[in-house]
Structure formats: C-alpha cells, structure tokens
Amino acid sequence: MTSGEGGRKAWSKLFQNTRRESQKLSFIAPVVVNGESMAELPEEVLIEGAKEWEHALVGFFVGKKIPFRSLQSVLNKKWSATGKFSIHTAENGIFIFKCESELVRNWILDNGPWDVWGVHLALRL
C-alpha cells in the first residue's frame, strides 16, 4: 500500500486493487420510503451484522453520567478476568458492551448488579 505524507497510508488507496472479497466495496442503491432515502441491505449483510453483536449488552447509568475513561478503567478491573469485551457509546448516555462470547455476557449478567462510583448500571440483552 502506498504511503502518503509522513508515512501514513493514503486514504484513496485503502480499498483500491484489493483481492480479498471481504474488503471489496459495493454500491447499494437507495429506495425511497415515506419520502426518505434508505438502503435495503441484502439478507446476508444483516445476518453477518447480527452475528457480530449477538453477545452484546446495552447499559445505562441510573441517575448520573459516568465519564467513558473512568467507566472503561473500572469495568476492565471488574470484568476482564472472565473474557474480552469492548465498550461503545450510543446516544443519550447509553453504552453497548460487546462481549466476545455468550459465556462472558452471561457472567456479567449473573454476577451483577454492577455500579461505578456508586452509580447503578442497568443492563439489558
């Protein structure tokens, strides 16, 4: 891959001339539904996307917002012994906890309730 200024990879070359099928981009024409353009994804794309997030939990701190870095630090200490997980932010103070397996997800659910700095973390599948 060609490097750009300062040794960085050139963005325009990222997907150019790729031989791997999984890296190839394709255009999905939008359809108009109730005046809004929407993409209708192929079923296999939806199935693969669902598999990627099948062991995720959705969480919300009741009563107070917790800074992301603090949340990450505290939960890494509490949860990482059981397996890998990652934390993702969504809108309105909602977090998504992506667990590597059903075992990790169930351990988190079974060993709660959880709190960070005395603030309760409500979790849902």
C-alpha atoms as a PDB file:
ATOM      1  CA  MET A   1       0.000   0.000   0.000  1.00  0.00           C
ATOM      2  CA  THR A   2       1.302   3.427  -0.892  1.00  0.00           C
ATOM      3  CA  SER A   3       2.254   5.741   1.938  1.00  0.00           C
ATOM      4  CA  GLY A   4       1.156   9.338   1.949  1.00  0.00           C
ATOM      5  CA  GLU A   5       2.765  12.327   3.602  1.00  0.00           C
ATOM      6  CA  GLY A   6       4.610  11.464   6.807  1.00  0.00           C
ATOM      7  CA  GLY A   7       4.473   7.697   6.243  1.00  0.00           C
ATOM      8  CA  ARG A   8       0.684   7.469   6.624  1.00  0.00           C
ATOM      9  CA  LYS A   9      -1.328   5.256   4.316  1.00  0.00           C
ATOM     10  CA  ALA A  10      -3.097   7.145   1.550  1.00  0.00           C
ATOM     11  CA  TRP A  11      -6.838   7.027   2.184  1.00  0.00           C
ATOM     12  CA  SER A  12      -7.619   6.842  -1.527  1.00  0.00           C
ATOM     13  CA  LYS A  13      -5.556   3.637  -1.817  1.00  0.00           C
ATOM     14  CA  LEU A  14      -7.202   1.819   1.090  1.00  0.00           C
ATOM     15  CA  PHE A  15      -9.634  -0.286  -0.951  1.00  0.00           C
ATOM     16  CA  GLN A  16      -8.051   0.040  -4.360  1.00  0.00           C
ATOM     17  CA  ASN A  17      -6.984  -3.151  -6.134  1.00  0.00           C
ATOM     18  CA  THR A  18      -7.995  -5.399  -3.268  1.00  0.00           C
ATOM     19  CA  ARG A  19      -8.040  -9.118  -3.936  1.00  0.00           C
ATOM     20  CA  ARG A  20      -9.917 -10.126  -0.823  1.00  0.00           C
ATOM     21  CA  GLU A  21     -13.639 -10.450  -1.379  1.00  0.00           C
ATOM     22  CA  SER A  22     -14.374  -9.301   2.184  1.00  0.00           C
ATOM     23  CA  GLN A  23     -12.687  -5.940   1.520  1.00  0.00           C
ATOM     24  CA  LYS A  24     -14.412  -5.115  -1.736  1.00  0.00           C
ATOM     25  CA  LEU A  25     -16.957  -2.317  -1.637  1.00  0.00           C
ATOM     26  CA  SER A  26     -20.239  -2.431  -3.485  1.00  0.00           C
ATOM     27  CA  PHE A  27     -22.922   0.167  -4.112  1.00  0.00           C
ATOM     28  CA  ILE A  28     -26.420  -0.449  -2.807  1.00  0.00           C
ATOM     29  CA  ALA A  29     -28.914   1.849  -4.484  1.00  0.00           C
ATOM     30  CA  PRO A  30     -31.250   3.570  -2.030  1.00  0.00           C
ATOM     31  CA  VAL A  31     -35.030   3.233  -2.134  1.00  0.00           C
ATOM     32  CA  VAL A  32     -37.435   5.977  -1.103  1.00  0.00           C
ATOM     33  CA  VAL A  33     -39.752   5.106   1.803  1.00  0.00           C
ATOM     34  CA  ASN A  34     -42.144   7.815   3.026  1.00  0.00           C
ATOM     35  CA  GLY A  35     -40.006  10.468   1.357  1.00  0.00           C
ATOM     36  CA  GLU A  36     -36.727   9.270   2.932  1.00  0.00           C
ATOM     37  CA  SER A  37     -33.889   7.523   1.116  1.00  0.00           C
ATOM     38  CA  MET A  38     -32.997   4.214   2.712  1.00  0.00           C
ATOM     39  CA  ALA A  39     -30.675   1.383   1.792  1.00  0.00           C
ATOM     40  CA  GLU A  40     -32.170  -2.087   1.617  1.00  0.00           C
ATOM     41  CA  LEU A  41     -29.362  -4.347   2.714  1.00  0.00           C
ATOM     42  CA  PRO A  42     -29.011  -7.873   1.421  1.00  0.00           C
ATOM     43  CA  GLU A  43     -30.092 -10.540   3.921  1.00  0.00           C
ATOM     44  CA  GLU A  44     -26.558 -11.916   4.257  1.00  0.00           C
ATOM     45  CA  VAL A  45     -25.277  -8.467   5.327  1.00  0.00           C
ATOM     46  CA  LEU A  46     -27.943  -8.252   8.027  1.00  0.00           C
ATOM     47  CA  ILE A  47     -27.184 -11.774   9.253  1.00  0.00           C
ATOM     48  CA  GLU A  48     -23.427 -11.069   9.475  1.00  0.00           C
ATOM     49  CA  GLY A  49     -24.065  -7.789  11.299  1.00  0.00           C
ATOM     50  CA  ALA A  50     -26.363  -9.511  13.790  1.00  0.00           C
ATOM     51  CA  LYS A  51     -23.716 -12.205  14.457  1.00  0.00           C
ATOM     52  CA  GLU A  52     -21.121  -9.551  15.251  1.00  0.00           C
ATOM     53  CA  TRP A  53     -23.302  -8.090  18.023  1.00  0.00           C
ATOM     54  CA  GLU A  54     -25.128 -11.236  19.220  1.00  0.00           C
ATOM     55  CA  HIS A  55     -23.408 -11.261  22.635  1.00  0.00           C
ATOM     56  CA  ALA A  56     -23.830  -7.543  23.344  1.00  0.00           C
ATOM     57  CA  LEU A  57     -25.439  -5.868  26.338  1.00  0.00           C
ATOM     58  CA  VAL A  58     -26.982  -2.411  26.484  1.00  0.00           C
ATOM     59  CA  GLY A  59     -26.338  -0.385  29.611  1.00  0.00           C
ATOM     60  CA  PHE A  60     -27.373   2.893  31.200  1.00  0.00           C
ATOM     61  CA  PHE A  61     -26.238   4.561  34.418  1.00  0.00           C
ATOM     62  CA  VAL A  62     -29.208   5.447  36.585  1.00  0.00           C
ATOM     63  CA  GLY A  63     -29.130   8.999  37.884  1.00  0.00           C
ATOM     64  CA  LYS A  64     -25.673  10.196  36.900  1.00  0.00           C
ATOM     65  CA  LYS A  65     -23.372  10.152  33.883  1.00  0.00           C
ATOM     66  CA  ILE A  66     -20.047   8.348  34.179  1.00  0.00           C
ATOM     67  CA  PRO A  67     -17.096   9.519  32.028  1.00  0.00           C
ATOM     68  CA  PHE A  68     -16.092   6.959  29.411  1.00  0.00           C
ATOM     69  CA  ARG A  69     -12.451   6.605  30.516  1.00  0.00           C
ATOM     70  CA  SER A  70     -13.486   6.054  34.121  1.00  0.00           C
ATOM     71  CA  LEU A  71     -16.092   3.515  33.057  1.00  0.00           C
ATOM     72  CA  GLN A  72     -13.561   1.670  30.946  1.00  0.00           C
ATOM     73  CA  SER A  73     -10.990   1.578  33.741  1.00  0.00           C
ATOM     74  CA  VAL A  74     -13.408   0.377  36.432  1.00  0.00           C
ATOM     75  CA  LEU A  75     -15.146  -2.266  34.300  1.00  0.00           C
ATOM     76  CA  ASN A  76     -11.846  -3.614  32.965  1.00  0.00           C
ATOM     77  CA  LYS A  77     -10.865  -4.339  36.569  1.00  0.00           C
ATOM     78  CA  LYS A  78     -14.224  -5.933  37.376  1.00  0.00           C
ATOM     79  CA  TRP A  79     -14.965  -7.863  34.173  1.00  0.00           C
ATOM     80  CA  SER A  80     -11.772  -8.611  32.234  1.00  0.00           C
ATOM     81  CA  ALA A  81     -10.881 -11.781  34.189  1.00  0.00           C
ATOM     82  CA  THR A  82     -13.832 -13.548  32.602  1.00  0.00           C
ATOM     83  CA  GLY A  83     -13.006 -12.657  28.979  1.00  0.00           C
ATOM     84  CA  LYS A  84     -12.778  -9.899  26.423  1.00  0.00           C
ATOM     85  CA  PHE A  85     -15.321  -7.146  25.925  1.00  0.00           C
ATOM     86  CA  SER A  86     -15.382  -3.684  24.422  1.00  0.00           C
ATOM     87  CA  ILE A  87     -17.384  -0.612  25.352  1.00  0.00           C
ATOM     88  CA  HIS A  88     -19.143   1.540  22.769  1.00  0.00           C
ATOM     89  CA  THR A  89     -21.106   4.737  23.282  1.00  0.00           C
ATOM     90  CA  ALA A  90     -24.516   5.411  21.809  1.00  0.00           C
ATOM     91  CA  GLU A  91     -26.861   8.378  22.174  1.00  0.00           C
ATOM     92  CA  ASN A  92     -28.302   9.730  25.434  1.00  0.00           C
ATOM     93  CA  GLY A  93     -25.812   8.131  27.808  1.00  0.00           C
ATOM     94  CA  ILE A  94     -26.389   4.593  26.569  1.00  0.00           C
ATOM     95  CA  PHE A  95     -23.449   2.197  26.365  1.00  0.00           C
ATOM     96  CA  ILE A  96     -23.136  -1.001  24.390  1.00  0.00           C
ATOM     97  CA  PHE A  97     -20.927  -3.716  25.841  1.00  0.00           C
ATOM     98  CA  LYS A  98     -19.782  -6.076  23.097  1.00  0.00           C
ATOM     99  CA  CYS A  99     -18.741  -9.387  24.664  1.00  0.00           C
ATOM    100  CA  GLU A 100     -16.564 -11.952  22.904  1.00  0.00           C
ATOM    101  CA  SER A 101     -18.854 -14.806  23.852  1.00  0.00           C
ATOM    102  CA  GLU A 102     -22.139 -15.804  25.409  1.00  0.00           C
ATOM    103  CA  LEU A 103     -20.156 -17.029  28.421  1.00  0.00           C
ATOM    104  CA  VAL A 104     -18.723 -13.557  29.098  1.00  0.00           C
ATOM    105  CA  ARG A 105     -22.107 -11.875  28.593  1.00  0.00           C
ATOM    106  CA  ASN A 106     -23.865 -14.309  30.932  1.00  0.00           C
ATOM    107  CA  TRP A 107     -21.147 -13.961  33.583  1.00  0.00           C
ATOM    108  CA  ILE A 108     -21.662 -10.192  33.589  1.00  0.00           C
ATOM    109  CA  LEU A 109     -25.435 -10.606  33.910  1.00  0.00           C
ATOM    110  CA  ASP A 110     -25.218 -13.338  36.556  1.00  0.00           C
ATOM    111  CA  ASN A 111     -22.696 -11.539  38.778  1.00  0.00           C
ATOM    112  CA  GLY A 112     -24.404  -8.138  38.988  1.00  0.00           C
ATOM    113  CA  PRO A 113     -25.827  -5.799  39.957  1.00  0.00           C
ATOM    114  CA  TRP A 114     -22.959  -3.530  38.941  1.00  0.00           C
ATOM    115  CA  ASP A 115     -22.125   0.017  39.869  1.00  0.00           C
ATOM    116  CA  VAL A 116     -19.383   2.506  39.088  1.00  0.00           C
ATOM    117  CA  TRP A 117     -18.642   5.088  41.772  1.00  0.00           C
ATOM    118  CA  GLY A 118     -21.897   4.123  43.499  1.00  0.00           C
ATOM    119  CA  VAL A 119     -23.972   4.718  40.352  1.00  0.00           C
ATOM    120  CA  HIS A 120     -26.075   1.706  39.317  1.00  0.00           C
ATOM    121  CA  LEU A 121     -25.524   0.259  35.837  1.00  0.00           C
ATOM    122  CA  ALA A 122     -28.783  -1.087  34.409  1.00  0.00           C
ATOM    123  CA  LEU A 123     -28.077  -3.825  31.818  1.00  0.00           C
ATOM    124  CA  ARG A 124     -30.297  -5.451  29.189  1.00  0.00           C
ATOM    125  CA  LEU A 125     -29.797  -8.011  26.459  1.00  0.00           C
END
